C-alpha cells in the first residue's frame, strides 16, 4: 500500500489501522512518510534514502538509534508600556 492513509479523514484512518493490525499473520508492504503511522501498524520498519535501504528494525530499535527528542519551551513575552509621546 502506498500512502494508504493520505487524504483519509481521522475516523477512516483509525479504522484502517485497526484493520491492518488484524492482518498480523500476513506480510504487507506499507509505504509512508508518516513514522507515527508505521509505528502503529508495523512490526518492522525499513528506512530508505535516495532509493537505498539504509536501516531496518522494529519501531523501538529505530527510536533507540534515531529518536532524538527535542523539547520546545515557549514563554510569554513580558510587555512593557511604550509611550508614543
Protein backbone atom coordinates (compact mmCIF):
# COMPACT_ATOMS: atom_id res chain seq x y z
CA UNK A 1 0.00 0.00 0.00
CA UNK A 2 1.40 3.35 -0.99
CA UNK A 3 0.47 6.20 1.37
CA UNK A 4 -2.68 4.31 2.39
CA UNK A 5 -3.92 6.98 4.80
CA UNK A 6 -3.10 10.01 2.64
CA UNK A 7 -6.17 12.23 2.39
CA UNK A 8 -8.20 9.99 4.71
CA UNK A 9 -10.30 11.50 7.49
CA UNK A 10 -9.29 10.66 11.10
CA UNK A 11 -12.10 8.15 11.71
CA UNK A 12 -11.39 6.23 8.50
CA UNK A 13 -7.65 6.33 9.29
CA UNK A 14 -8.31 4.75 12.70
CA UNK A 15 -10.48 2.07 11.05
CA UNK A 16 -7.72 1.40 8.51
CA UNK A 17 -5.14 0.99 11.31
CA UNK A 18 -7.47 -1.40 13.15
CA UNK A 19 -7.99 -3.47 10.00
CA UNK A 20 -4.28 -3.63 9.16
CA UNK A 21 -3.44 -4.75 12.71
CA UNK A 22 -5.76 -7.76 12.20
CA UNK A 23 -3.54 -8.89 9.30
CA UNK A 24 -0.60 -9.86 11.56
CA UNK A 25 -0.48 -13.39 10.07
CA UNK A 26 0.25 -11.98 6.60
CA UNK A 27 3.06 -9.94 5.10
CA UNK A 28 2.27 -6.48 3.79
CA UNK A 29 4.30 -3.61 2.42
CA UNK A 30 3.26 -0.17 3.58
CA UNK A 31 4.91 2.88 2.05
CA UNK A 32 4.52 6.04 4.10
CA UNK A 33 6.24 9.27 5.08
CA UNK A 34 4.50 9.17 8.46
CA UNK A 35 6.68 7.44 11.03
CA UNK A 36 3.84 7.57 13.58
CA UNK A 37 1.70 5.60 11.14
CA UNK A 38 4.39 2.98 10.55
CA UNK A 39 4.99 2.68 14.28
CA UNK A 40 1.30 1.97 14.99
CA UNK A 41 0.91 -0.64 12.25
CA UNK A 42 4.25 -2.31 11.55
CA UNK A 43 6.35 -4.89 13.36
CA UNK A 44 9.39 -3.97 11.29
CA UNK A 45 10.26 -0.71 9.56
CA UNK A 46 12.82 -0.06 6.82
CA UNK A 47 14.18 3.42 6.10
CA UNK A 48 15.06 4.40 2.53
CA UNK A 49 17.12 7.34 1.32
CA UNK A 50 17.66 8.05 -2.38
CA UNK A 51 16.25 4.63 -3.29
CA UNK A 52 18.59 2.70 -0.96
CA UNK A 53 17.67 0.93 2.25
CA UNK A 54 19.77 2.48 5.00
CA UNK A 55 18.38 0.66 8.04
CA UNK A 56 15.62 -1.63 9.25
CA UNK A 57 14.50 -2.68 12.69
CA UNK A 58 11.42 -2.80 14.88
CA UNK A 59 9.97 0.59 15.86
CA UNK A 60 11.65 0.58 19.29
CA UNK A 61 15.04 -0.26 17.79
CA UNK A 62 14.80 2.60 15.29
CA UNK A 63 13.73 5.00 18.03
CA UNK A 64 16.74 3.98 20.07
CA UNK A 65 19.03 4.70 17.11
CA UNK A 66 17.43 7.82 15.63
CA UNK A 67 14.83 9.05 18.09
CA UNK A 68 16.31 12.28 19.35
CA UNK A 69 13.81 14.22 21.38
CA UNK A 70 13.54 17.96 21.10
CA UNK A 71 11.69 19.98 23.70
CA UNK A 72 10.45 23.41 22.78
CA UNK A 73 9.69 25.67 25.70
CA UNK A 74 7.61 28.74 24.95
CA UNK A 75 7.28 31.55 27.44
CA UNK A 76 5.12 34.64 27.04
CA UNK A 77 6.93 37.88 26.42
CA UNK A 78 6.79 40.48 29.14
CA UNK A 79 5.08 43.51 27.68
CA UNK A 80 6.30 46.91 28.73
CA UNK A 81 4.43 50.12 28.31
CA UNK A 82 5.69 52.24 25.45
CA UNK A 83 4.96 55.92 25.33
CA UNK A 84 4.27 57.36 21.90
CA UNK A 85 4.65 60.95 23.04
